[in-house]
Amino acid sequence: MKQLLSLLALTATLSAANPASNMKLAFSDEFDGPALDAAKWATYGEPTAMSFVTVGKSKALRITLIKKDDMIQTNGVRSKHEQVRGYFEASIRMNANKGHTGNMSIRPKDDKTPPSILALWEGTGADRLAPWARYLDDNGMHDLRSTETGNKILKGGEPSKKFNTYGILWTEKGFAWFVNGKQIHKVDRTPIAAPMYVQFSHRIGEWERPDLVLKQLPDDVDIDWVKVWK
């Protein structure tokens, strides 16, 4: 029994270990300036440019939705910093409602040439979170989803009512997803060698639009800080 308890204690300690404990900070942003730092970030999305991104009084990066006829859109920012492997982490308050998605991802500039991968944390509203990857090899595209995808990984209301820490660890062995220091998902995909950047977005897809309730807007995605270790 003592051996079993010791093993369980060791397992709990390892699972709570900081993935960046043996790495050095390579990139960070606290979003505490008067505006988005153009030396660190590029925006994309609606042609109204910076109207969907705000940094200032809230001391966080806020990505909102632009009201238009069809509401189909993807707005966001991508880091100008890129690297091969490391730990990508951010403190995020996800959207509360369905019909749109908050997103943190790491991705390469070229995602059309195999092998390539997009590793994502998504908040799909109603407290649902999705840690997953889209992997491209010579046989085509493969969605590598966790058994936790679409579940309430955190306590009710936590994804949208408070900031939580989301992380993606990229090593020579593959990728692992963490939330508040707990590993939730992993995939073994080793041939990825192209540098990747971190991206945050707020999206309404055609498949999501039927669930969107306009009177529930604004329902923004906020990023308190981002840190990347190598």
C-alpha atoms as a PDB file:
ATOM      1  CA  MET A   1       0.000   0.000   0.000  1.00  0.00           C
ATOM      2  CA  LYS A   2       2.817   2.423   0.886  1.00  0.00           C
ATOM      3  CA  GLN A   3       4.472   1.756  -2.471  1.00  0.00           C
ATOM      4  CA  LEU A   4       1.199   2.403  -4.250  1.00  0.00           C
ATOM      5  CA  LEU A   5       0.678   5.695  -2.374  1.00  0.00           C
ATOM      6  CA  SER A   6       4.243   6.764  -3.168  1.00  0.00           C
ATOM      7  CA  LEU A   7       3.699   5.991  -6.856  1.00  0.00           C
ATOM      8  CA  LEU A   8       0.465   7.975  -6.921  1.00  0.00           C
ATOM      9  CA  ALA A   9       2.163  10.921  -5.210  1.00  0.00           C
ATOM     10  CA  LEU A  10       5.008  10.820  -7.731  1.00  0.00           C
ATOM     11  CA  THR A  11       2.564  10.663 -10.633  1.00  0.00           C
ATOM     12  CA  ALA A  12       0.657  13.685  -9.281  1.00  0.00           C
ATOM     13  CA  THR A  13       3.920  15.606  -8.857  1.00  0.00           C
ATOM     14  CA  LEU A  14       5.031  14.866 -12.412  1.00  0.00           C
ATOM     15  CA  SER A  15       1.672  15.819 -13.892  1.00  0.00           C
ATOM     16  CA  ALA A  16       1.812  19.170 -12.092  1.00  0.00           C
ATOM     17  CA  ALA A  17       5.402  19.935 -13.161  1.00  0.00           C
ATOM     18  CA  ASN A  18       5.916  23.135 -15.116  1.00  0.00           C
ATOM     19  CA  PRO A  19       6.550  22.166 -18.775  1.00  0.00           C
ATOM     20  CA  ALA A  20       8.847  25.205 -19.110  1.00  0.00           C
ATOM     21  CA  SER A  21      10.923  24.493 -16.007  1.00  0.00           C
ATOM     22  CA  ASN A  22      14.082  23.732 -18.013  1.00  0.00           C
ATOM     23  CA  MET A  23      13.523  26.335 -20.734  1.00  0.00           C
ATOM     24  CA  LYS A  24      14.320  30.010 -21.216  1.00  0.00           C
ATOM     25  CA  LEU A  25      11.740  32.693 -21.966  1.00  0.00           C
ATOM     26  CA  ALA A  26      11.993  33.557 -25.667  1.00  0.00           C
ATOM     27  CA  PHE A  27       8.943  35.789 -26.217  1.00  0.00           C
ATOM     28  CA  SER A  28       6.292  37.445 -24.048  1.00  0.00           C
ATOM     29  CA  ASP A  29       3.683  40.185 -23.942  1.00  0.00           C
ATOM     30  CA  GLU A  30       1.633  41.433 -21.002  1.00  0.00           C
ATOM     31  CA  PHE A  31      -0.639  43.580 -23.219  1.00  0.00           C
ATOM     32  CA  ASP A  32      -0.305  46.420 -20.707  1.00  0.00           C
ATOM     33  CA  GLY A  33       0.640  49.195 -23.139  1.00  0.00           C
ATOM     34  CA  PRO A  34      -1.630  51.792 -24.757  1.00  0.00           C
ATOM     35  CA  ALA A  35      -1.939  49.740 -27.971  1.00  0.00           C
ATOM     36  CA  LEU A  36      -1.010  46.447 -29.565  1.00  0.00           C
ATOM     37  CA  ASP A  37       2.761  46.216 -30.061  1.00  0.00           C
ATOM     38  CA  ALA A  38       3.212  46.166 -33.847  1.00  0.00           C
ATOM     39  CA  ALA A  39       6.791  44.970 -33.431  1.00  0.00           C
ATOM     40  CA  LYS A  40       5.452  41.748 -31.914  1.00  0.00           C
ATOM     41  CA  TRP A  41       2.104  41.178 -33.636  1.00  0.00           C
ATOM     42  CA  ALA A  42       0.344  41.266 -36.996  1.00  0.00           C
ATOM     43  CA  THR A  43      -3.442  41.485 -37.233  1.00  0.00           C
ATOM     44  CA  TYR A  44      -5.715  39.707 -39.704  1.00  0.00           C
ATOM     45  CA  GLY A  45      -9.430  39.471 -40.338  1.00  0.00           C
ATOM     46  CA  GLU A  46     -12.032  42.101 -41.173  1.00  0.00           C
ATOM     47  CA  PRO A  47     -10.783  44.947 -43.424  1.00  0.00           C
ATOM     48  CA  THR A  48     -11.616  47.395 -40.630  1.00  0.00           C
ATOM     49  CA  ALA A  49      -8.196  46.297 -39.320  1.00  0.00           C
ATOM     50  CA  MET A  50      -7.615  47.287 -35.690  1.00  0.00           C
ATOM     51  CA  SER A  51     -11.307  47.816 -34.903  1.00  0.00           C
ATOM     52  CA  PHE A  52     -11.594  44.216 -33.676  1.00  0.00           C
ATOM     53  CA  VAL A  53      -8.501  44.370 -31.433  1.00  0.00           C
ATOM     54  CA  THR A  54      -8.211  46.573 -28.369  1.00  0.00           C
ATOM     55  CA  VAL A  55      -5.463  46.943 -25.777  1.00  0.00           C
ATOM     56  CA  GLY A  56      -5.588  49.622 -23.113  1.00  0.00           C
ATOM     57  CA  LYS A  57      -7.882  50.164 -20.135  1.00  0.00           C
ATOM     58  CA  SER A  58      -8.501  46.458 -19.611  1.00  0.00           C
ATOM     59  CA  LYS A  59      -4.745  45.703 -19.640  1.00  0.00           C
ATOM     60  CA  ALA A  60      -5.503  42.716 -21.855  1.00  0.00           C
ATOM     61  CA  LEU A  61      -5.795  41.935 -25.550  1.00  0.00           C
ATOM     62  CA  ARG A  62      -9.466  41.865 -26.509  1.00  0.00           C
ATOM     63  CA  ILE A  63     -10.606  40.280 -29.784  1.00  0.00           C
ATOM     64  CA  THR A  64     -14.187  41.130 -30.617  1.00  0.00           C
ATOM     65  CA  LEU A  65     -16.615  40.396 -33.446  1.00  0.00           C
ATOM     66  CA  ILE A  66     -17.609  42.883 -36.127  1.00  0.00           C
ATOM     67  CA  LYS A  67     -21.356  43.188 -36.696  1.00  0.00           C
ATOM     68  CA  LYS A  68     -22.206  42.738 -40.367  1.00  0.00           C
ATOM     69  CA  ASP A  69     -24.886  41.062 -42.487  1.00  0.00           C
ATOM     70  CA  ASP A  70     -23.755  37.434 -42.413  1.00  0.00           C
ATOM     71  CA  MET A  71     -21.429  37.665 -39.368  1.00  0.00           C
ATOM     72  CA  ILE A  72     -19.069  35.034 -40.869  1.00  0.00           C
ATOM     73  CA  GLN A  73     -15.529  36.096 -39.906  1.00  0.00           C
ATOM     74  CA  THR A  74     -12.207  35.247 -38.301  1.00  0.00           C
ATOM     75  CA  ASN A  75     -10.374  38.058 -36.527  1.00  0.00           C
ATOM     76  CA  GLY A  76      -7.124  37.829 -34.660  1.00  0.00           C
ATOM     77  CA  VAL A  77      -3.425  38.411 -34.165  1.00  0.00           C
ATOM     78  CA  ARG A  78      -0.352  36.308 -34.921  1.00  0.00           C
ATOM     79  CA  SER A  79       3.072  36.692 -33.383  1.00  0.00           C
ATOM     80  CA  LYS A  80       6.021  37.771 -35.488  1.00  0.00           C
ATOM     81  CA  HIS A  81       8.160  35.558 -33.264  1.00  0.00           C
ATOM     82  CA  GLU A  82       8.627  32.004 -34.556  1.00  0.00           C
ATOM     83  CA  GLN A  83      10.554  29.045 -33.212  1.00  0.00           C
ATOM     84  CA  VAL A  84      11.043  25.293 -33.457  1.00  0.00           C
ATOM     85  CA  ARG A  85       9.747  23.475 -30.366  1.00  0.00           C
ATOM     86  CA  GLY A  86       9.114  24.929 -26.922  1.00  0.00           C
ATOM     87  CA  TYR A  87       6.204  25.732 -24.627  1.00  0.00           C
ATOM     88  CA  PHE A  88       3.552  28.209 -25.762  1.00  0.00           C
ATOM     89  CA  GLU A  89       1.300  29.499 -22.984  1.00  0.00           C
ATOM     90  CA  ALA A  90      -1.346  32.197 -22.503  1.00  0.00           C
ATOM     91  CA  SER A  91      -3.880  33.374 -19.945  1.00  0.00           C
ATOM     92  CA  ILE A  92      -7.246  33.516 -21.733  1.00  0.00           C
ATOM     93  CA  ARG A  93     -10.862  34.284 -20.896  1.00  0.00           C
ATOM     94  CA  MET A  94     -12.932  32.472 -23.514  1.00  0.00           C
ATOM     95  CA  ASN A  95     -16.297  33.447 -24.975  1.00  0.00           C
ATOM     96  CA  ALA A  96     -19.325  32.422 -22.921  1.00  0.00           C
ATOM     97  CA  ASN A  97     -21.862  31.529 -25.603  1.00  0.00           C
ATOM     98  CA  LYS A  98     -22.181  29.183 -28.562  1.00  0.00           C
ATOM     99  CA  GLY A  99     -22.156  30.291 -32.174  1.00  0.00           C
ATOM    100  CA  HIS A 100     -18.566  31.515 -32.172  1.00  0.00           C
ATOM    101  CA  THR A 101     -15.146  30.273 -31.053  1.00  0.00           C
ATOM    102  CA  GLY A 102     -12.128  31.627 -29.211  1.00  0.00           C
ATOM    103  CA  ASN A 103      -8.887  30.116 -30.333  1.00  0.00           C
ATOM    104  CA  MET A 104      -5.209  29.805 -29.373  1.00  0.00           C
ATOM    105  CA  SER A 105      -3.008  27.943 -31.828  1.00  0.00           C
ATOM    106  CA  ILE A 106       0.549  27.362 -32.897  1.00  0.00           C
ATOM    107  CA  ARG A 107       1.072  26.980 -36.628  1.00  0.00           C
ATOM    108  CA  PRO A 108       3.637  27.256 -39.440  1.00  0.00           C
ATOM    109  CA  LYS A 109       3.574  29.832 -42.234  1.00  0.00           C
ATOM    110  CA  ASP A 110       3.159  26.989 -44.719  1.00  0.00           C
ATOM    111  CA  ASP A 111       0.414  24.609 -43.613  1.00  0.00           C
ATOM    112  CA  LYS A 112      -0.167  23.176 -47.115  1.00  0.00           C
ATOM    113  CA  THR A 113       3.109  21.250 -47.502  1.00  0.00           C
ATOM    114  CA  PRO A 114       3.357  17.985 -45.532  1.00  0.00           C
ATOM    115  CA  PRO A 115       4.290  17.274 -42.892  1.00  0.00           C
ATOM    116  CA  SER A 116       2.668  20.158 -41.037  1.00  0.00           C
ATOM    117  CA  ILE A 117       0.461  20.568 -38.004  1.00  0.00           C
ATOM    118  CA  LEU A 118      -1.872  23.092 -36.379  1.00  0.00           C
ATOM    119  CA  ALA A 119      -2.128  22.628 -32.611  1.00  0.00           C
ATOM    120  CA  LEU A 120      -5.125  24.365 -31.053  1.00  0.00           C
ATOM    121  CA  TRP A 121      -6.994  25.194 -27.856  1.00  0.00           C
ATOM    122  CA  GLU A 122     -10.553  26.262 -28.678  1.00  0.00           C
ATOM    123  CA  GLY A 123     -13.400  27.591 -26.570  1.00  0.00           C
ATOM    124  CA  THR A 124     -16.683  26.856 -28.316  1.00  0.00           C
ATOM    125  CA  GLY A 125     -18.993  28.446 -25.733  1.00  0.00           C
ATOM    126  CA  ALA A 126     -21.201  26.926 -23.032  1.00  0.00           C
ATOM    127  CA  ASP A 127     -18.003  26.031 -21.097  1.00  0.00           C
ATOM    128  CA  ARG A 128     -16.866  23.615 -23.824  1.00  0.00           C
ATOM    129  CA  LEU A 129     -13.154  23.400 -24.589  1.00  0.00           C
ATOM    130  CA  ALA A 130     -11.368  21.532 -27.370  1.00  0.00           C
ATOM    131  CA  PRO A 131      -7.654  20.602 -27.316  1.00  0.00           C
ATOM    132  CA  TRP A 132      -6.817  19.161 -30.728  1.00  0.00           C
ATOM    133  CA  ALA A 133      -4.535  19.173 -33.767  1.00  0.00           C
ATOM    134  CA  ARG A 134      -4.910  19.087 -37.539  1.00  0.00           C
ATOM    135  CA  TYR A 135      -2.059  17.098 -39.062  1.00  0.00           C
ATOM    136  CA  LEU A 136      -1.143  16.982 -42.754  1.00  0.00           C
ATOM    137  CA  ASP A 137       0.966  14.161 -44.164  1.00  0.00           C
ATOM    138  CA  ASP A 138       1.321  12.528 -47.579  1.00  0.00           C
ATOM    139  CA  ASN A 139      -1.931  10.638 -47.010  1.00  0.00           C
ATOM    140  CA  GLY A 140      -3.983  13.773 -46.397  1.00  0.00           C
ATOM    141  CA  MET A 141      -5.461  15.684 -43.457  1.00  0.00           C
ATOM    142  CA  HIS A 142      -6.076  14.111 -40.052  1.00  0.00           C
ATOM    143  CA  ASP A 143      -7.913  15.649 -37.088  1.00  0.00           C
ATOM    144  CA  LEU A 144      -6.332  14.438 -33.854  1.00  0.00           C
ATOM    145  CA  ARG A 145      -8.911  15.172 -31.171  1.00  0.00           C
ATOM    146  CA  SER A 146      -8.857  14.474 -27.466  1.00  0.00           C
ATOM    147  CA  THR A 147     -11.517  12.392 -25.781  1.00  0.00           C
ATOM    148  CA  GLU A 148     -12.077  15.595 -23.756  1.00  0.00           C
ATOM    149  CA  THR A 149     -12.994  17.595 -26.856  1.00  0.00           C
ATOM    150  CA  GLY A 150     -16.299  19.366 -26.332  1.00  0.00           C
ATOM    151  CA  ASN A 151     -16.473  18.476 -22.639  1.00  0.00           C
ATOM    152  CA  LYS A 152     -16.518  20.747 -19.617  1.00  0.00           C
ATOM    153  CA  ILE A 153     -12.838  20.304 -18.796  1.00  0.00           C
ATOM    154  CA  LEU A 154     -13.024  23.091 -16.205  1.00  0.00           C
ATOM    155  CA  LYS A 155     -15.736  23.803 -13.639  1.00  0.00           C
ATOM    156  CA  GLY A 156     -18.933  25.351 -14.914  1.00  0.00           C
ATOM    157  CA  GLY A 157     -18.490  28.958 -15.966  1.00  0.00           C
ATOM    158  CA  GLU A 158     -14.717  29.057 -15.501  1.00  0.00           C
ATOM    159  CA  PRO A 159     -13.662  29.351 -19.171  1.00  0.00           C
ATOM    160  CA  SER A 160     -15.608  32.610 -19.654  1.00  0.00           C
ATOM    161  CA  LYS A 161     -15.824  34.077 -16.136  1.00  0.00           C
ATOM    162  CA  LYS A 162     -12.123  34.044 -15.324  1.00  0.00           C
ATOM    163  CA  PHE A 163      -8.710  33.839 -16.928  1.00  0.00           C
ATOM    164  CA  ASN A 164      -7.258  30.336 -17.197  1.00  0.00           C
ATOM    165  CA  THR A 165      -3.813  29.309 -18.381  1.00  0.00           C
ATOM    166  CA  TYR A 166      -3.710  27.338 -21.642  1.00  0.00           C
ATOM    167  CA  GLY A 167      -0.480  25.788 -22.879  1.00  0.00           C
ATOM    168  CA  ILE A 168       0.829  23.726 -25.801  1.00  0.00           C
ATOM    169  CA  LEU A 169       4.136  21.909 -25.388  1.00  0.00           C
ATOM    170  CA  TRP A 170       6.061  20.996 -28.554  1.00  0.00           C
ATOM    171  CA  THR A 171       8.943  18.554 -28.137  1.00  0.00           C
ATOM    172  CA  GLU A 172      10.885  16.133 -30.319  1.00  0.00           C
ATOM    173  CA  LYS A 173       8.334  13.481 -29.315  1.00  0.00           C
ATOM    174  CA  GLY A 174       5.174  15.409 -30.223  1.00  0.00           C
ATOM    175  CA  PHE A 175       2.682  17.801 -28.662  1.00  0.00           C
ATOM    176  CA  ALA A 176       0.904  18.055 -25.311  1.00  0.00           C
ATOM    177  CA  TRP A 177      -1.946  20.344 -24.190  1.00  0.00           C
ATOM    178  CA  PHE A 178      -2.182  21.821 -20.678  1.00  0.00           C
ATOM    179  CA  VAL A 179      -4.791  23.857 -18.838  1.00  0.00           C
ATOM    180  CA  ASN A 180      -3.858  25.423 -15.495  1.00  0.00           C
ATOM    181  CA  GLY A 181      -0.801  23.155 -15.404  1.00  0.00           C
ATOM    182  CA  LYS A 182      -2.700  19.893 -15.981  1.00  0.00           C
ATOM    183  CA  GLN A 183      -2.005  17.849 -19.096  1.00  0.00           C
ATOM    184  CA  ILE A 184      -5.221  17.120 -20.985  1.00  0.00           C
ATOM    185  CA  HIS A 185      -4.174  15.747 -24.383  1.00  0.00           C
ATOM    186  CA  LYS A 186      -1.111  14.641 -26.345  1.00  0.00           C
ATOM    187  CA  VAL A 187      -0.236  13.447 -29.839  1.00  0.00           C
ATOM    188  CA  ASP A 188       2.948  11.842 -31.103  1.00  0.00           C
ATOM    189  CA  ARG A 189       3.968  13.575 -34.312  1.00  0.00           C
ATOM    190  CA  THR A 190       7.752  13.868 -34.619  1.00  0.00           C
ATOM    191  CA  PRO A 191       8.658  14.952 -38.191  1.00  0.00           C
ATOM    192  CA  ILE A 192       7.561  18.582 -37.728  1.00  0.00           C
ATOM    193  CA  ALA A 193      10.589  20.821 -38.252  1.00  0.00           C
ATOM    194  CA  ALA A 194       9.328  24.181 -39.575  1.00  0.00           C
ATOM    195  CA  PRO A 195       9.215  27.137 -37.151  1.00  0.00           C
ATOM    196  CA  MET A 196       5.779  27.997 -35.776  1.00  0.00           C
ATOM    197  CA  TYR A 197       4.162  31.131 -34.351  1.00  0.00           C
ATOM    198  CA  VAL A 198       1.386  31.621 -31.796  1.00  0.00           C
ATOM    199  CA  GLN A 199      -1.977  32.950 -32.935  1.00  0.00           C
ATOM    200  CA  PHE A 200      -5.149  34.104 -31.174  1.00  0.00           C
ATOM    201  CA  SER A 201      -8.454  34.418 -32.975  1.00  0.00           C
ATOM    202  CA  HIS A 202     -12.194  34.901 -32.574  1.00  0.00           C
ATOM    203  CA  ARG A 203     -14.262  33.172 -35.232  1.00  0.00           C
ATOM    204  CA  ILE A 204     -17.758  32.624 -36.566  1.00  0.00           C
ATOM    205  CA  GLY A 205     -17.857  29.772 -39.075  1.00  0.00           C
ATOM    206  CA  GLU A 206     -20.749  29.013 -41.392  1.00  0.00           C
ATOM    207  CA  TRP A 207     -21.464  25.876 -39.342  1.00  0.00           C
ATOM    208  CA  GLU A 208     -21.587  27.968 -36.143  1.00  0.00           C
ATOM    209  CA  ARG A 209     -23.765  30.823 -37.394  1.00  0.00           C
ATOM    210  CA  PRO A 210     -27.121  29.080 -36.663  1.00  0.00           C
ATOM    211  CA  ASP A 211     -26.206  29.002 -32.940  1.00  0.00           C
ATOM    212  CA  LEU A 212     -25.165  32.671 -32.776  1.00  0.00           C
ATOM    213  CA  VAL A 213     -27.538  34.935 -30.807  1.00  0.00           C
ATOM    214  CA  LEU A 214     -26.779  38.557 -31.727  1.00  0.00           C
ATOM    215  CA  LYS A 215     -28.268  40.000 -28.538  1.00  0.00           C
ATOM    216  CA  GLN A 216     -25.624  38.049 -26.565  1.00  0.00           C
ATOM    217  CA  LEU A 217     -22.879  40.136 -28.171  1.00  0.00           C
ATOM    218  CA  PRO A 218     -20.391  41.469 -27.259  1.00  0.00           C
ATOM    219  CA  ASP A 219     -19.003  38.189 -26.013  1.00  0.00           C
ATOM    220  CA  ASP A 220     -15.307  38.859 -26.410  1.00  0.00           C
ATOM    221  CA  VAL A 221     -12.164  36.758 -26.112  1.00  0.00           C
ATOM    222  CA  ASP A 222      -9.542  38.305 -23.801  1.00  0.00           C
ATOM    223  CA  ILE A 223      -5.851  37.413 -23.522  1.00  0.00           C
ATOM    224  CA  ASP A 224      -4.154  38.662 -20.346  1.00  0.00           C
ATOM    225  CA  TRP A 225      -0.621  37.603 -21.271  1.00  0.00           C
ATOM    226  CA  VAL A 226       1.365  35.262 -23.491  1.00  0.00           C
ATOM    227  CA  LYS A 227       4.726  33.599 -22.861  1.00  0.00           C
ATOM    228  CA  VAL A 228       6.813  31.376 -25.113  1.00  0.00           C
ATOM    229  CA  TRP A 229       9.743  29.350 -23.796  1.00  0.00           C
ATOM    230  CA  LYS A 230      12.441  27.499 -25.712  1.00  0.00           C
END
